[in-house]
Amino acid sequence: MTVVDTPPPRLPVRHRAVAAERAWGGVSPMLTRLAAEQATGVLVRERGTLYLDEGRVVHAESPLSPGLDVLLTAGGTLGSETWRDALSRADDQRGAADLLLAGGHLARGALQLCHLGAVYDAAYFALAPSSTPGRFRYGIAHRIGSVLPVPVSALERETVRRRGLLHRIWPDTRADSSPLVRTYATAAPRLTARQHALLELVDGTRTAPQLAQELGRQAFHTLVDVRRLVAAGLIAPRRAPEPEAVGPAPALADRLAHTTDPHITLLKRLRDALEAL
């Protein structure tokens, strides 16, 4: 009998990045499905919107996060009028980003860095747990155009990482959305320049996202500073006003003693007269 020694076939090997991509379950099943089908359009969720191009996120916005325009113009990187002009001239062929780069108003690296910050910042809020189902509209593009597309898995992983970071700093989420008040701790730690500037604006009426908007900073970074200040005892969420206490009803004898009703007064006099007999 002849024995044929044939080596077994090599097992298939997947690239690590591809394997990780497929193993990731995601925080939004709908977004994961849209990425898998390489969809193009806009996903509207309760706290923000995500723009996709062939399954990758190219832009994100949230009312709780300063937009790219705020981040670019607050520090003087770009003039407000220049931004508005580029946005008004944008069309299907050239987005506002291409117009800004072509006009020499921004360096490509600076635009990409700032845009990535805005995307991750808005996505943190847009991907927050919600009881409202998301809606996707195919074929819709943002006027800014594509700057640096982000894989959905990378965006969701960063969102989960940020949630964990905030929880480790201070687990109470009320400081993220409530108006903030100063508490003036006696043993306050030394503050950074960012924290000091934030603390100066805390007046009992502004929330963390509103403070981020006014400072022209990313909202998530502001949340990090806010939770650290809360943990240090320097600020706290403003408490809702206490409802007015309703005391017990006065006793019947007390009400009768102070009444001005003539009928009751007559009955009281008759009672007193009978008791005197």
C-alpha atoms as a PDB file:
ATOM      1  CA  MET A   1       0.000   0.000   0.000  1.00  0.00           C
ATOM      2  CA  THR A   2       1.325   3.369  -1.003  1.00  0.00           C
ATOM      3  CA  VAL A   3       0.954   6.206   1.498  1.00  0.00           C
ATOM      4  CA  VAL A   4       0.589   9.642   0.003  1.00  0.00           C
ATOM      5  CA  ASP A   5       1.747  12.359   2.395  1.00  0.00           C
ATOM      6  CA  THR A   6      -0.202  15.428   1.260  1.00  0.00           C
ATOM      7  CA  PRO A   7       0.059  18.551   3.463  1.00  0.00           C
ATOM      8  CA  PRO A   8      -3.292  19.958   4.645  1.00  0.00           C
ATOM      9  CA  PRO A   9      -4.549  23.164   3.015  1.00  0.00           C
ATOM     10  CA  ARG A  10      -3.589  26.398   4.702  1.00  0.00           C
ATOM     11  CA  LEU A  11      -6.225  27.947   6.902  1.00  0.00           C
ATOM     12  CA  PRO A  12      -7.627  31.261   5.680  1.00  0.00           C
ATOM     13  CA  VAL A  13      -6.074  34.245   7.391  1.00  0.00           C
ATOM     14  CA  ARG A  14      -7.971  37.503   7.795  1.00  0.00           C
ATOM     15  CA  HIS A  15      -6.383  40.857   8.333  1.00  0.00           C
ATOM     16  CA  ARG A  16      -6.682  41.958  11.956  1.00  0.00           C
ATOM     17  CA  ALA A  17      -8.409  45.200  11.053  1.00  0.00           C
ATOM     18  CA  VAL A  18     -11.000  43.348   8.960  1.00  0.00           C
ATOM     19  CA  ALA A  19     -11.617  40.821  11.732  1.00  0.00           C
ATOM     20  CA  ALA A  20     -12.082  43.543  14.305  1.00  0.00           C
ATOM     21  CA  GLU A  21     -14.434  45.392  11.994  1.00  0.00           C
ATOM     22  CA  ARG A  22     -16.676  42.342  11.585  1.00  0.00           C
ATOM     23  CA  ALA A  23     -16.574  41.423  15.281  1.00  0.00           C
ATOM     24  CA  TRP A  24     -17.772  44.827  16.407  1.00  0.00           C
ATOM     25  CA  GLY A  25     -21.476  44.804  17.311  1.00  0.00           C
ATOM     26  CA  GLY A  26     -21.878  48.560  17.461  1.00  0.00           C
ATOM     27  CA  VAL A  27     -23.997  50.856  19.621  1.00  0.00           C
ATOM     28  CA  SER A  28     -26.525  51.511  16.844  1.00  0.00           C
ATOM     29  CA  PRO A  29     -27.714  48.445  14.919  1.00  0.00           C
ATOM     30  CA  MET A  30     -29.194  50.686  12.237  1.00  0.00           C
ATOM     31  CA  LEU A  31     -25.897  52.503  11.715  1.00  0.00           C
ATOM     32  CA  THR A  32     -24.038  49.181  11.607  1.00  0.00           C
ATOM     33  CA  ARG A  33     -26.409  47.920   8.915  1.00  0.00           C
ATOM     34  CA  LEU A  34     -26.008  51.116   6.877  1.00  0.00           C
ATOM     35  CA  ALA A  35     -22.244  50.752   7.056  1.00  0.00           C
ATOM     36  CA  ALA A  36     -22.465  47.143   5.905  1.00  0.00           C
ATOM     37  CA  GLU A  37     -24.533  48.066   2.852  1.00  0.00           C
ATOM     38  CA  GLN A  38     -22.247  51.058   2.118  1.00  0.00           C
ATOM     39  CA  ALA A  39     -25.185  53.449   2.190  1.00  0.00           C
ATOM     40  CA  THR A  40     -25.017  57.150   1.339  1.00  0.00           C
ATOM     41  CA  GLY A  41     -27.358  59.598   3.036  1.00  0.00           C
ATOM     42  CA  VAL A  42     -28.194  61.087   6.426  1.00  0.00           C
ATOM     43  CA  LEU A  43     -29.192  59.279   9.621  1.00  0.00           C
ATOM     44  CA  VAL A  44     -31.362  61.479  11.827  1.00  0.00           C
ATOM     45  CA  ARG A  45     -31.462  60.559  15.519  1.00  0.00           C
ATOM     46  CA  GLU A  46     -32.945  62.224  18.573  1.00  0.00           C
ATOM     47  CA  ARG A  47     -29.807  64.138  19.559  1.00  0.00           C
ATOM     48  CA  GLY A  48     -27.966  64.545  16.287  1.00  0.00           C
ATOM     49  CA  THR A  49     -27.429  63.550  12.669  1.00  0.00           C
ATOM     50  CA  LEU A  50     -24.778  61.494  10.909  1.00  0.00           C
ATOM     51  CA  TYR A  51     -23.953  61.917   7.203  1.00  0.00           C
ATOM     52  CA  LEU A  52     -22.687  58.810   5.436  1.00  0.00           C
ATOM     53  CA  ASP A  53     -20.898  58.353   2.132  1.00  0.00           C
ATOM     54  CA  GLU A  54     -20.577  54.737   0.982  1.00  0.00           C
ATOM     55  CA  GLY A  55     -20.965  53.479   4.539  1.00  0.00           C
ATOM     56  CA  ARG A  56     -18.502  55.866   6.196  1.00  0.00           C
ATOM     57  CA  VAL A  57     -19.326  58.885   8.331  1.00  0.00           C
ATOM     58  CA  VAL A  58     -18.253  62.100   6.606  1.00  0.00           C
ATOM     59  CA  HIS A  59     -19.965  64.602   8.890  1.00  0.00           C
ATOM     60  CA  ALA A  60     -21.942  64.790  12.148  1.00  0.00           C
ATOM     61  CA  GLU A  61     -23.988  67.480  13.848  1.00  0.00           C
ATOM     62  CA  SER A  62     -25.788  67.813  17.171  1.00  0.00           C
ATOM     63  CA  PRO A  63     -27.588  70.703  18.884  1.00  0.00           C
ATOM     64  CA  LEU A  64     -25.586  69.788  22.003  1.00  0.00           C
ATOM     65  CA  SER A  65     -22.215  70.198  20.274  1.00  0.00           C
ATOM     66  CA  PRO A  66     -20.599  73.285  18.697  1.00  0.00           C
ATOM     67  CA  GLY A  67     -20.483  72.898  14.930  1.00  0.00           C
ATOM     68  CA  LEU A  68     -17.412  72.991  12.739  1.00  0.00           C
ATOM     69  CA  ASP A  69     -18.101  76.660  12.008  1.00  0.00           C
ATOM     70  CA  VAL A  70     -17.901  77.523  15.716  1.00  0.00           C
ATOM     71  CA  LEU A  71     -14.709  75.546  16.237  1.00  0.00           C
ATOM     72  CA  LEU A  72     -13.056  77.218  13.238  1.00  0.00           C
ATOM     73  CA  THR A  73     -14.176  80.787  13.880  1.00  0.00           C
ATOM     74  CA  ALA A  74     -14.062  80.978  17.704  1.00  0.00           C
ATOM     75  CA  GLY A  75     -10.275  80.898  17.850  1.00  0.00           C
ATOM     76  CA  GLY A  76      -9.766  83.089  14.809  1.00  0.00           C
ATOM     77  CA  THR A  77      -8.680  80.253  12.527  1.00  0.00           C
ATOM     78  CA  LEU A  78     -11.291  81.317  10.000  1.00  0.00           C
ATOM     79  CA  GLY A  79     -13.443  84.411   9.591  1.00  0.00           C
ATOM     80  CA  SER A  80     -17.197  84.019   9.990  1.00  0.00           C
ATOM     81  CA  GLU A  81     -17.844  85.757   6.668  1.00  0.00           C
ATOM     82  CA  THR A  82     -15.421  83.452   4.853  1.00  0.00           C
ATOM     83  CA  TRP A  83     -17.203  80.395   6.245  1.00  0.00           C
ATOM     84  CA  ARG A  84     -20.643  81.670   5.257  1.00  0.00           C
ATOM     85  CA  ASP A  85     -19.428  82.529   1.767  1.00  0.00           C
ATOM     86  CA  ALA A  86     -17.962  79.051   1.196  1.00  0.00           C
ATOM     87  CA  LEU A  87     -21.111  77.392   2.491  1.00  0.00           C
ATOM     88  CA  SER A  88     -23.336  79.481   0.230  1.00  0.00           C
ATOM     89  CA  ARG A  89     -21.253  78.650  -2.887  1.00  0.00           C
ATOM     90  CA  ALA A  90     -21.075  74.928  -2.183  1.00  0.00           C
ATOM     91  CA  ASP A  91     -22.871  72.582  -4.594  1.00  0.00           C
ATOM     92  CA  ASP A  92     -22.913  68.938  -5.632  1.00  0.00           C
ATOM     93  CA  GLN A  93     -19.571  69.288  -7.409  1.00  0.00           C
ATOM     94  CA  ARG A  94     -17.546  71.134  -4.762  1.00  0.00           C
ATOM     95  CA  GLY A  95     -18.291  71.243  -1.079  1.00  0.00           C
ATOM     96  CA  ALA A  96     -17.481  74.093   1.281  1.00  0.00           C
ATOM     97  CA  ALA A  97     -14.339  72.282   2.445  1.00  0.00           C
ATOM     98  CA  ASP A  98     -12.904  72.163  -1.085  1.00  0.00           C
ATOM     99  CA  LEU A  99     -13.695  75.847  -1.604  1.00  0.00           C
ATOM    100  CA  LEU A 100     -11.932  76.836   1.621  1.00  0.00           C
ATOM    101  CA  LEU A 101      -8.857  74.791   0.687  1.00  0.00           C
ATOM    102  CA  ALA A 102      -8.796  76.084  -2.893  1.00  0.00           C
ATOM    103  CA  GLY A 103      -9.034  79.667  -1.663  1.00  0.00           C
ATOM    104  CA  GLY A 104      -6.070  79.195   0.660  1.00  0.00           C
ATOM    105  CA  HIS A 105      -8.135  79.995   3.752  1.00  0.00           C
ATOM    106  CA  LEU A 106      -7.155  76.795   5.562  1.00  0.00           C
ATOM    107  CA  ALA A 107      -4.387  74.211   5.483  1.00  0.00           C
ATOM    108  CA  ARG A 108      -5.651  70.714   4.710  1.00  0.00           C
ATOM    109  CA  GLY A 109      -4.221  69.255   7.915  1.00  0.00           C
ATOM    110  CA  ALA A 110      -5.806  71.938  10.078  1.00  0.00           C
ATOM    111  CA  LEU A 111      -9.186  71.434   8.435  1.00  0.00           C
ATOM    112  CA  GLN A 112      -9.023  67.647   8.800  1.00  0.00           C
ATOM    113  CA  LEU A 113      -8.028  67.854  12.454  1.00  0.00           C
ATOM    114  CA  CYS A 114     -10.769  70.317  13.308  1.00  0.00           C
ATOM    115  CA  HIS A 115     -13.360  68.406  11.294  1.00  0.00           C
ATOM    116  CA  LEU A 116     -12.510  65.096  12.961  1.00  0.00           C
ATOM    117  CA  GLY A 117     -12.920  66.765  16.340  1.00  0.00           C
ATOM    118  CA  ALA A 118     -16.345  68.082  15.346  1.00  0.00           C
ATOM    119  CA  VAL A 119     -17.442  64.690  13.988  1.00  0.00           C
ATOM    120  CA  TYR A 120     -16.434  62.711  17.076  1.00  0.00           C
ATOM    121  CA  ASP A 121     -17.892  65.398  19.331  1.00  0.00           C
ATOM    122  CA  ALA A 122     -21.308  65.467  17.668  1.00  0.00           C
ATOM    123  CA  ALA A 123     -21.389  61.679  17.265  1.00  0.00           C
ATOM    124  CA  TYR A 124     -21.021  61.245  21.025  1.00  0.00           C
ATOM    125  CA  PHE A 125     -24.407  62.912  21.475  1.00  0.00           C
ATOM    126  CA  ALA A 126     -26.013  61.577  18.310  1.00  0.00           C
ATOM    127  CA  LEU A 127     -25.282  57.989  19.347  1.00  0.00           C
ATOM    128  CA  ALA A 128     -26.607  58.421  22.882  1.00  0.00           C
ATOM    129  CA  PRO A 129     -29.267  55.887  23.957  1.00  0.00           C
ATOM    130  CA  SER A 130     -32.676  57.017  22.781  1.00  0.00           C
ATOM    131  CA  SER A 131     -36.273  55.846  22.877  1.00  0.00           C
ATOM    132  CA  THR A 132     -36.928  57.492  19.503  1.00  0.00           C
ATOM    133  CA  PRO A 133     -36.100  55.397  16.406  1.00  0.00           C
ATOM    134  CA  GLY A 134     -33.662  56.862  13.887  1.00  0.00           C
ATOM    135  CA  ARG A 135     -34.618  57.750  10.313  1.00  0.00           C
ATOM    136  CA  PHE A 136     -32.354  57.405   7.283  1.00  0.00           C
ATOM    137  CA  ARG A 137     -32.757  59.357   4.050  1.00  0.00           C
ATOM    138  CA  TYR A 138     -30.779  58.036   1.103  1.00  0.00           C
ATOM    139  CA  GLY A 139     -28.811  60.301  -1.204  1.00  0.00           C
ATOM    140  CA  ILE A 140     -28.559  63.326   1.107  1.00  0.00           C
ATOM    141  CA  ALA A 141     -25.137  65.009   1.418  1.00  0.00           C
ATOM    142  CA  HIS A 142     -23.931  67.845   3.618  1.00  0.00           C
ATOM    143  CA  ARG A 143     -22.828  71.051   1.953  1.00  0.00           C
ATOM    144  CA  ILE A 144     -19.400  70.881   3.559  1.00  0.00           C
ATOM    145  CA  GLY A 145     -18.509  67.834   1.462  1.00  0.00           C
ATOM    146  CA  SER A 146     -16.218  64.968   2.389  1.00  0.00           C
ATOM    147  CA  VAL A 147     -13.131  65.929   4.417  1.00  0.00           C
ATOM    148  CA  LEU A 148     -11.862  62.744   6.038  1.00  0.00           C
ATOM    149  CA  PRO A 149     -14.350  59.814   6.171  1.00  0.00           C
ATOM    150  CA  VAL A 150     -14.485  57.851   9.432  1.00  0.00           C
ATOM    151  CA  PRO A 151     -15.371  54.124   9.659  1.00  0.00           C
ATOM    152  CA  VAL A 152     -18.534  53.519  11.655  1.00  0.00           C
ATOM    153  CA  SER A 153     -16.797  50.994  13.908  1.00  0.00           C
ATOM    154  CA  ALA A 154     -14.096  53.520  14.838  1.00  0.00           C
ATOM    155  CA  LEU A 155     -16.701  56.189  15.596  1.00  0.00           C
ATOM    156  CA  GLU A 156     -18.747  53.875  17.799  1.00  0.00           C
ATOM    157  CA  ARG A 157     -15.712  52.560  19.659  1.00  0.00           C
ATOM    158  CA  GLU A 158     -14.635  56.109  20.454  1.00  0.00           C
ATOM    159  CA  THR A 159     -18.150  56.917  21.664  1.00  0.00           C
ATOM    160  CA  VAL A 160     -18.077  53.932  24.035  1.00  0.00           C
ATOM    161  CA  ARG A 161     -14.601  54.911  25.260  1.00  0.00           C
ATOM    162  CA  ARG A 162     -15.795  58.437  26.008  1.00  0.00           C
ATOM    163  CA  ARG A 163     -18.779  57.172  27.963  1.00  0.00           C
ATOM    164  CA  GLY A 164     -16.479  55.045  30.101  1.00  0.00           C
ATOM    165  CA  LEU A 165     -14.079  57.936  30.693  1.00  0.00           C
ATOM    166  CA  LEU A 166     -16.848  60.241  31.924  1.00  0.00           C
ATOM    167  CA  HIS A 167     -18.212  57.509  34.185  1.00  0.00           C
ATOM    168  CA  ARG A 168     -14.801  56.974  35.771  1.00  0.00           C
ATOM    169  CA  ILE A 169     -14.387  60.701  36.436  1.00  0.00           C
ATOM    170  CA  TRP A 170     -17.847  61.153  37.996  1.00  0.00           C
ATOM    171  CA  PRO A 171     -20.699  58.661  37.495  1.00  0.00           C
ATOM    172  CA  ASP A 172     -23.613  61.080  37.957  1.00  0.00           C
ATOM    173  CA  THR A 173     -24.826  62.285  34.529  1.00  0.00           C
ATOM    174  CA  ARG A 174     -26.941  65.191  35.793  1.00  0.00           C
ATOM    175  CA  ALA A 175     -24.047  67.618  35.369  1.00  0.00           C
ATOM    176  CA  ASP A 176     -24.095  66.965  31.603  1.00  0.00           C
ATOM    177  CA  SER A 177     -27.459  68.615  31.019  1.00  0.00           C
ATOM    178  CA  SER A 178     -28.473  70.599  34.117  1.00  0.00           C
ATOM    179  CA  PRO A 179     -27.665  74.283  34.756  1.00  0.00           C
ATOM    180  CA  LEU A 180     -24.482  74.458  36.819  1.00  0.00           C
ATOM    181  CA  VAL A 181     -23.839  76.410  40.025  1.00  0.00           C
ATOM    182  CA  ARG A 182     -20.629  77.134  41.908  1.00  0.00           C
ATOM    183  CA  THR A 183     -20.166  75.510  45.315  1.00  0.00           C
ATOM    184  CA  TYR A 184     -16.857  77.059  46.462  1.00  0.00           C
ATOM    185  CA  ALA A 185     -15.072  74.085  47.990  1.00  0.00           C
ATOM    186  CA  THR A 186     -12.680  74.970  50.805  1.00  0.00           C
ATOM    187  CA  ALA A 187      -9.907  72.610  49.637  1.00  0.00           C
ATOM    188  CA  ALA A 188     -10.060  73.178  45.897  1.00  0.00           C
ATOM    189  CA  PRO A 189      -7.355  71.627  43.692  1.00  0.00           C
ATOM    190  CA  ARG A 190      -5.260  73.737  41.381  1.00  0.00           C
ATOM    191  CA  LEU A 191      -7.150  74.431  38.185  1.00  0.00           C
ATOM    192  CA  THR A 192      -5.921  74.361  34.627  1.00  0.00           C
ATOM    193  CA  ALA A 193      -6.420  77.397  32.417  1.00  0.00           C
ATOM    194  CA  ARG A 194      -9.268  75.618  30.618  1.00  0.00           C
ATOM    195  CA  GLN A 195     -11.019  74.767  33.875  1.00  0.00           C
ATOM    196  CA  HIS A 196     -10.583  78.278  35.227  1.00  0.00           C
ATOM    197  CA  ALA A 197     -12.100  79.834  32.096  1.00  0.00           C
ATOM    198  CA  LEU A 198     -15.013  77.395  32.335  1.00  0.00           C
ATOM    199  CA  LEU A 199     -15.558  78.081  36.026  1.00  0.00           C
ATOM    200  CA  GLU A 200     -15.737  81.809  35.407  1.00  0.00           C
ATOM    201  CA  LEU A 201     -18.822  81.311  33.211  1.00  0.00           C
ATOM    202  CA  VAL A 202     -20.744  79.094  35.638  1.00  0.00           C
ATOM    203  CA  ASP A 203     -23.636  81.247  36.843  1.00  0.00           C
ATOM    204  CA  GLY A 204     -26.515  78.884  37.606  1.00  0.00           C
ATOM    205  CA  THR A 205     -28.188  79.280  34.208  1.00  0.00           C
ATOM    206  CA  ARG A 206     -25.847  77.677  31.647  1.00  0.00           C
ATOM    207  CA  THR A 207     -25.532  73.956  30.959  1.00  0.00           C
ATOM    208  CA  ALA A 208     -22.307  72.228  29.920  1.00  0.00           C
ATOM    209  CA  PRO A 209     -23.211  72.255  26.180  1.00  0.00           C
ATOM    210  CA  GLN A 210     -24.071  75.961  26.423  1.00  0.00           C
ATOM    211  CA  LEU A 211     -20.726  76.663  28.076  1.00  0.00           C
ATOM    212  CA  ALA A 212     -18.966  74.756  25.278  1.00  0.00           C
ATOM    213  CA  GLN A 213     -20.801  76.830  22.678  1.00  0.00           C
ATOM    214  CA  GLU A 214     -19.808  80.081  24.351  1.00  0.00           C
ATOM    215  CA  LEU A 215     -16.184  79.036  24.768  1.00  0.00           C
ATOM    216  CA  GLY A 216     -15.963  77.640  21.227  1.00  0.00           C
ATOM    217  CA  ARG A 217     -14.746  74.278  22.489  1.00  0.00           C
ATOM    218  CA  GLN A 218     -15.748  70.705  21.829  1.00  0.00           C
ATOM    219  CA  ALA A 219     -18.647  69.729  24.063  1.00  0.00           C
ATOM    220  CA  PHE A 220     -17.139  66.413  25.173  1.00  0.00           C
ATOM    221  CA  HIS A 221     -13.966  68.083  26.402  1.00  0.00           C
ATOM    222  CA  THR A 222     -16.171  70.514  28.303  1.00  0.00           C
ATOM    223  CA  LEU A 223     -18.039  67.582  29.864  1.00  0.00           C
ATOM    224  CA  VAL A 224     -14.712  66.165  31.029  1.00  0.00           C
ATOM    225  CA  ASP A 225     -13.813  69.459  32.719  1.00  0.00           C
ATOM    226  CA  VAL A 226     -17.302  69.797  34.193  1.00  0.00           C
ATOM    227  CA  ARG A 227     -17.275  66.333  35.751  1.00  0.00           C
ATOM    228  CA  ARG A 228     -13.798  66.900  37.161  1.00  0.00           C
ATOM    229  CA  LEU A 229     -14.954  70.165  38.721  1.00  0.00           C
ATOM    230  CA  VAL A 230     -18.014  68.413  40.128  1.00  0.00           C
ATOM    231  CA  ALA A 231     -15.799  65.666  41.573  1.00  0.00           C
ATOM    232  CA  ALA A 232     -13.593  68.381  43.140  1.00  0.00           C
ATOM    233  CA  GLY A 233     -16.632  69.988  44.771  1.00  0.00           C
ATOM    234  CA  LEU A 234     -16.335  73.273  42.877  1.00  0.00           C
ATOM    235  CA  ILE A 235     -19.570  73.093  40.886  1.00  0.00           C
ATOM    236  CA  ALA A 236     -22.801  71.111  41.036  1.00  0.00           C
ATOM    237  CA  PRO A 237     -26.002  70.666  39.039  1.00  0.00           C
ATOM    238  CA  ARG A 238     -28.604  73.201  40.094  1.00  0.00           C
ATOM    239  CA  ARG A 239     -31.379  71.588  42.077  1.00  0.00           C
ATOM    240  CA  ALA A 240     -34.967  71.915  41.002  1.00  0.00           C
ATOM    241  CA  PRO A 241     -37.017  74.191  43.292  1.00  0.00           C
ATOM    242  CA  GLU A 242     -38.667  72.358  46.150  1.00  0.00           C
ATOM    243  CA  PRO A 243     -42.461  72.163  45.957  1.00  0.00           C
ATOM    244  CA  GLU A 244     -44.231  74.267  48.528  1.00  0.00           C
ATOM    245  CA  ALA A 245     -45.043  72.255  51.598  1.00  0.00           C
ATOM    246  CA  VAL A 246     -48.734  71.839  52.322  1.00  0.00           C
ATOM    247  CA  GLY A 247     -49.387  71.694  56.073  1.00  0.00           C
ATOM    248  CA  PRO A 248     -52.143  69.706  57.734  1.00  0.00           C
ATOM    249  CA  ALA A 249     -55.620  71.170  57.685  1.00  0.00           C
ATOM    250  CA  PRO A 250     -56.455  73.129  60.866  1.00  0.00           C
ATOM    251  CA  ALA A 251     -58.543  71.265  63.398  1.00  0.00           C
ATOM    252  CA  LEU A 252     -62.312  71.762  63.321  1.00  0.00           C
ATOM    253  CA  ALA A 253     -62.288  73.394  66.776  1.00  0.00           C
ATOM    254  CA  ASP A 254     -59.737  75.983  65.641  1.00  0.00           C
ATOM    255  CA  ARG A 255     -61.749  76.806  62.528  1.00  0.00           C
ATOM    256  CA  LEU A 256     -64.954  77.209  64.578  1.00  0.00           C
ATOM    257  CA  ALA A 257     -63.168  79.421  67.100  1.00  0.00           C
ATOM    258  CA  HIS A 258     -62.146  81.943  64.440  1.00  0.00           C
ATOM    259  CA  THR A 259     -65.174  81.821  62.184  1.00  0.00           C
ATOM    260  CA  THR A 260     -67.279  84.907  61.399  1.00  0.00           C
ATOM    261  CA  ASP A 261     -70.324  82.995  60.144  1.00  0.00           C
ATOM    262  CA  PRO A 262     -73.368  84.485  62.018  1.00  0.00           C
ATOM    263  CA  HIS A 263     -75.151  81.136  62.180  1.00  0.00           C
ATOM    264  CA  ILE A 264     -72.223  79.419  63.816  1.00  0.00           C
ATOM    265  CA  THR A 265     -71.767  82.380  66.164  1.00  0.00           C
ATOM    266  CA  LEU A 266     -75.425  82.054  67.259  1.00  0.00           C
ATOM    267  CA  LEU A 267     -75.008  78.342  67.864  1.00  0.00           C
ATOM    268  CA  LYS A 268     -71.932  79.011  69.976  1.00  0.00           C
ATOM    269  CA  ARG A 269     -73.867  81.517  72.118  1.00  0.00           C
ATOM    270  CA  LEU A 270     -76.713  79.034  72.644  1.00  0.00           C
ATOM    271  CA  ARG A 271     -74.157  76.387  73.625  1.00  0.00           C
ATOM    272  CA  ASP A 272     -72.549  78.751  76.145  1.00  0.00           C
ATOM    273  CA  ALA A 273     -75.954  79.655  77.596  1.00  0.00           C
ATOM    274  CA  LEU A 274     -76.947  76.028  78.043  1.00  0.00           C
ATOM    275  CA  GLU A 275     -73.646  75.245  79.701  1.00  0.00           C
ATOM    276  CA  ALA A 276     -74.258  78.146  82.184  1.00  0.00           C
ATOM    277  CA  LEU A 277     -77.624  76.710  83.386  1.00  0.00           C
END
